[in-house]
Structure formats: C-alpha cells, structure tokens
Amino acid sequence: MVLIHQVEQGTPEWFAVRLGIPTASNFAKIITSTGKPSTSAAGYMDQLLADWLAGEVTDAVEANYWMDRGTEMEGRAREAYSLITGHSVEQVGFVTDGKRQWGCSPDGLVGDDGGLEIKCPKASTLVSYYRAGKCPADYWPQVQGALWVTGRAWWDFLAYHPALRPFIVHVERDAEYIGKLAEAVEGFVAKLTEAQEALKEWRM
C-alpha cells in the first residue's frame, strides 16, 4: 500500500510527516549504489533518532547557494521537462508505505507509472553527466528507492541548467538492486524501531 501525503515540500507539515523515518534522498546512507552497506548508516540512524526524540528536525542543514538555486530553478526545470517529453507532471508532497516506515519526496509523478527526479547542478557537473550518459551513481539509491516506495515502473532523472541543454535519463526498475535496497532499508528500520523502544524515556 502506498500513501500520498498532499503537503507542500519544505513546509512544517512536510517536515512533520517525514520526521524520524528514512527517506529516499538519504537511502545512500544505508546502501551504496553498488548494493553494499553504507558506512554512514549508524550516523544516519542517530540523526533520525535525535529528530524523533526532539519531535522536530534538530540539526537542519543550512541552505547554501546551490540549494537555494535548485529550489528556485525546479519549476523551470519541470516546465522544460514537460515541453521536451510532452508529459504532464503531478506535484505531490511526500509518499510513504502504508505503515509510514519509509518514504520519498518525488519532484513529480508522471502518468500512472512514472516519476521525476530533478537536479540543478553547476554547468561543469552537468557536462560530466552528458559524458557519462547515464543516471549518476550518487543518485541511484534515491531513484531506485523512489521506484520502490511508490511502486512505479520508471523514473526520469533530469539535470537542468539554464545555459545548457537539459539532460534526461529514463530509468527502469532494477529488480535486483531494489531487492537489496528493500532488505537494507527494512533491516535499518527494524534496528531503528528497537532503538526507539530503548530510548523512549528520553523523548521530549
């Protein structure tokens, strides 16, 4: 079962619905793009536990130029994608499994089967994507994780810079990788739940 939470991304409501649970944008901290356990898992668990104990995001990442730029350009990137592909894009806030144990924040859902991930990198990084011609490894856990969470068949990865041509890669479900990712995330959540039980007396 998939739950779609109609909250605006970046709002207090959005932060609340994703509080203390692993999200696709951070799945790389649980499993690498090659399917190996990530060395960042323990630190990520502590971060989620801290937020759960506090009842709020405790150590929010400070916005920087590239984060602000990405937020500003996301709408333009989405419009460019629709113009190029002919697809209309539905914006949603947050998607979880039925038990709200993990989730993702799609940059868009496309039709009944697809989704969209948008990045707005600097020009030289976009050129490196041109040269590689595939979804960057750094975002493989996020894209495949979004496919797993939503149950959709495909996801388009879009890298956008206003001075260069958009880079779009069509990504299909990788069943073998998703199997490893699901096992890793489910195991992570089991340990997270155990830790919450052990630490519940410390909740604010």
Protein backbone atom coordinates (compact mmCIF):
# COMPACT_ATOMS: atom_id res chain seq x y z
CA MET A 1 0.00 0.00 0.00
CA VAL A 2 1.22 3.48 -0.92
CA LEU A 3 0.15 6.67 0.86
CA ILE A 4 0.41 10.06 -0.87
CA HIS A 5 0.60 12.96 1.59
CA GLN A 6 -0.53 16.20 -0.02
CA VAL A 7 1.73 18.60 1.84
CA GLU A 8 3.91 21.27 0.29
CA GLN A 9 7.56 20.32 0.31
CA GLY A 10 9.67 22.37 2.69
CA THR A 11 6.75 23.35 4.95
CA PRO A 12 6.37 22.39 8.64
CA GLU A 13 3.71 19.85 7.60
CA TRP A 14 6.17 18.22 5.21
CA PHE A 15 8.89 18.03 7.85
CA ALA A 16 6.38 16.55 10.30
CA VAL A 17 5.22 13.71 8.03
CA ARG A 18 8.81 12.61 7.28
CA LEU A 19 10.16 13.11 10.79
CA GLY A 20 12.28 10.25 12.08
CA ILE A 21 11.90 7.91 9.09
CA PRO A 22 14.42 7.08 6.35
CA THR A 23 13.76 8.83 3.05
CA ALA A 24 14.90 8.04 -0.49
CA SER A 25 17.14 11.10 -0.68
CA ASN A 26 19.14 9.53 2.15
CA PHE A 27 18.98 5.86 1.16
CA ALA A 28 22.60 6.19 0.01
CA LYS A 29 23.42 6.45 3.73
CA ILE A 30 22.00 2.94 4.14
CA ILE A 31 23.04 1.22 0.90
CA THR A 32 25.54 2.27 -1.76
CA SER A 33 24.87 2.42 -5.50
CA THR A 34 26.67 -0.94 -5.82
CA GLY A 35 24.40 -2.64 -3.28
CA LYS A 36 26.89 -2.66 -0.40
CA PRO A 37 26.08 -1.46 3.15
CA SER A 38 26.91 2.22 3.63
CA THR A 39 29.35 3.28 6.31
CA SER A 40 27.05 6.24 7.03
CA ALA A 41 24.18 4.10 8.37
CA ALA A 42 24.98 4.47 12.08
CA GLY A 43 25.28 8.24 11.86
CA TYR A 44 22.06 8.46 9.85
CA MET A 45 20.23 6.38 12.46
CA ASP A 46 21.45 8.68 15.24
CA GLN A 47 20.21 11.67 13.23
CA LEU A 48 16.74 10.13 12.79
CA LEU A 49 16.62 9.17 16.45
CA ALA A 50 17.56 12.69 17.53
CA ASP A 51 14.72 14.13 15.44
CA TRP A 52 12.28 11.53 16.81
CA LEU A 53 13.30 12.24 20.40
CA ALA A 54 13.01 16.01 19.92
CA GLY A 55 9.80 15.85 17.89
CA GLU A 56 11.35 18.19 15.33
CA VAL A 57 14.29 18.44 12.95
CA THR A 58 17.21 19.04 15.27
CA ASP A 59 20.17 19.84 13.02
CA ALA A 60 18.75 21.16 9.78
CA VAL A 61 21.27 21.62 7.01
CA GLU A 62 21.86 25.31 6.43
CA ALA A 63 20.85 26.46 2.98
CA ASN A 64 23.68 27.30 0.62
CA TYR A 65 23.89 28.87 -2.82
CA TRP A 66 23.36 25.61 -4.70
CA MET A 67 20.43 24.50 -2.54
CA ASP A 68 18.72 27.87 -2.96
CA ARG A 69 19.45 27.83 -6.69
CA GLY A 70 17.99 24.35 -7.06
CA THR A 71 14.81 25.38 -5.26
CA GLU A 72 14.44 28.46 -7.44
CA MET A 73 15.03 26.58 -10.71
CA GLU A 74 12.97 23.47 -10.00
CA GLY A 75 9.81 24.96 -11.51
CA ARG A 76 11.63 25.98 -14.68
CA ALA A 77 13.20 22.54 -14.91
CA ARG A 78 9.79 20.88 -14.56
CA GLU A 79 8.37 23.08 -17.32
CA ALA A 80 11.31 22.23 -19.59
CA TYR A 81 10.77 18.53 -18.93
CA SER A 82 7.09 18.76 -19.86
CA LEU A 83 7.92 20.70 -23.02
CA ILE A 84 10.56 18.19 -24.14
CA THR A 85 8.72 14.98 -23.26
CA GLY A 86 5.10 16.01 -23.62
CA HIS A 87 4.40 14.59 -20.16
CA SER A 88 2.34 16.49 -17.61
CA VAL A 89 3.79 16.32 -14.11
CA GLU A 90 1.77 16.00 -10.93
CA GLN A 91 3.37 17.59 -7.88
CA VAL A 92 2.96 15.75 -4.59
CA GLY A 93 4.44 16.34 -1.17
CA PHE A 94 5.52 13.04 0.30
CA VAL A 95 4.91 9.35 -0.39
CA THR A 96 5.18 6.57 2.20
CA ASP A 97 4.45 2.90 2.58
CA GLY A 98 1.17 2.09 4.34
CA LYS A 99 2.80 1.93 7.78
CA ARG A 100 4.75 5.17 7.26
CA GLN A 101 8.07 3.44 7.91
CA TRP A 102 9.93 5.00 4.94
CA GLY A 103 9.18 7.47 2.19
CA CYS A 104 10.24 9.75 -0.64
CA SER A 105 9.56 13.27 -1.89
CA PRO A 106 9.15 12.99 -5.68
CA ASP A 107 9.82 16.07 -7.77
CA GLY A 108 6.84 14.87 -9.74
CA LEU A 109 4.69 11.88 -10.64
CA VAL A 110 4.21 11.23 -14.35
CA GLY A 111 1.08 9.46 -15.55
CA ASP A 112 0.18 6.23 -13.77
CA ASP A 113 3.60 4.59 -13.94
CA GLY A 114 6.37 7.19 -13.85
CA GLY A 115 8.13 9.74 -11.71
CA LEU A 116 10.64 12.56 -11.94
CA GLU A 117 13.81 13.48 -10.05
CA ILE A 118 15.22 16.98 -10.72
CA LYS A 119 18.73 18.21 -10.03
CA CYS A 120 20.08 21.66 -10.90
CA PRO A 121 23.87 21.23 -10.82
CA LYS A 122 26.58 23.62 -11.87
CA ALA A 123 27.40 23.59 -15.59
CA SER A 124 30.59 21.54 -15.33
CA THR A 125 28.74 18.84 -13.36
CA LEU A 126 26.02 18.74 -16.00
CA VAL A 127 28.67 18.26 -18.68
CA SER A 128 30.04 15.31 -16.71
CA TYR A 129 26.53 13.81 -16.86
CA TYR A 130 26.50 14.31 -20.64
CA ARG A 131 29.78 12.46 -20.90
CA ALA A 132 28.68 9.56 -18.69
CA GLY A 133 25.32 9.28 -20.42
CA LYS A 134 23.56 7.61 -17.50
CA CYS A 135 21.95 8.30 -14.14
CA PRO A 136 24.76 9.42 -11.81
CA ALA A 137 25.74 6.76 -9.27
CA ASP A 138 25.30 9.28 -6.43
CA TYR A 139 21.56 9.34 -7.14
CA TRP A 140 21.00 5.67 -7.98
CA PRO A 141 19.82 4.72 -4.46
CA GLN A 142 17.46 7.72 -4.45
CA VAL A 143 15.93 6.98 -7.85
CA GLN A 144 15.58 3.24 -7.31
CA GLY A 145 14.37 3.98 -3.78
CA ALA A 146 11.62 6.22 -5.15
CA LEU A 147 10.60 3.43 -7.52
CA TRP A 148 10.46 1.02 -4.58
CA VAL A 149 8.47 3.36 -2.32
CA THR A 150 5.95 4.38 -4.98
CA GLY A 151 5.70 1.03 -6.76
CA ARG A 152 6.07 2.78 -10.10
CA ALA A 153 7.65 1.28 -13.23
CA TRP A 154 10.06 4.03 -14.30
CA TRP A 155 11.62 7.31 -13.23
CA ASP A 156 13.17 10.09 -15.29
CA PHE A 157 16.30 11.76 -13.96
CA LEU A 158 16.55 15.38 -15.11
CA ALA A 159 19.59 17.60 -14.67
CA TYR A 160 18.87 21.24 -15.56
CA HIS A 161 21.00 24.33 -16.10
CA PRO A 162 19.54 27.40 -17.87
CA ALA A 163 22.61 27.85 -20.09
CA LEU A 164 22.79 24.23 -21.28
CA ARG A 165 20.50 21.62 -22.76
CA PRO A 166 18.59 19.58 -20.17
CA PHE A 167 19.90 16.08 -19.51
CA ILE A 168 17.16 13.45 -19.18
CA VAL A 169 17.78 9.78 -18.47
CA HIS A 170 14.96 7.25 -18.41
CA VAL A 171 15.47 4.78 -15.56
CA GLU A 172 13.63 1.47 -15.33
CA ARG A 173 13.20 -0.56 -12.16
CA ASP A 174 16.28 -2.61 -11.31
CA ALA A 175 14.64 -5.57 -9.57
CA GLU A 176 17.91 -7.00 -8.25
CA TYR A 177 19.04 -3.69 -6.77
CA ILE A 178 15.59 -2.88 -5.36
CA GLY A 179 15.59 -6.27 -3.64
CA LYS A 180 18.86 -5.40 -1.91
CA LEU A 181 17.67 -1.88 -1.11
CA ALA A 182 14.39 -3.12 0.36
CA GLU A 183 16.22 -5.63 2.54
CA ALA A 184 18.69 -2.97 3.71
CA VAL A 185 16.03 -0.35 4.49
CA GLU A 186 13.75 -2.84 6.22
CA GLY A 187 16.67 -4.06 8.35
CA PHE A 188 17.60 -0.47 9.13
CA VAL A 189 14.02 0.31 10.21
CA ALA A 190 13.93 -2.79 12.43
CA LYS A 191 17.04 -1.57 14.24
CA LEU A 192 15.63 1.96 14.36
CA THR A 193 12.45 0.67 16.00
CA GLU A 194 14.47 -1.26 18.58
CA ALA A 195 16.49 1.85 19.36
CA GLN A 196 13.32 3.94 19.73
CA GLU A 197 11.96 1.45 22.25
CA ALA A 198 15.21 1.57 24.22
CA LEU A 199 15.31 5.39 24.17
CA LYS A 200 11.61 6.23 24.63
CA GLU A 201 12.14 7.55 28.18
CA TRP A 202 14.29 10.31 26.65
CA ARG A 203 11.55 11.70 24.38
CA MET A 204 10.69 15.35 24.82
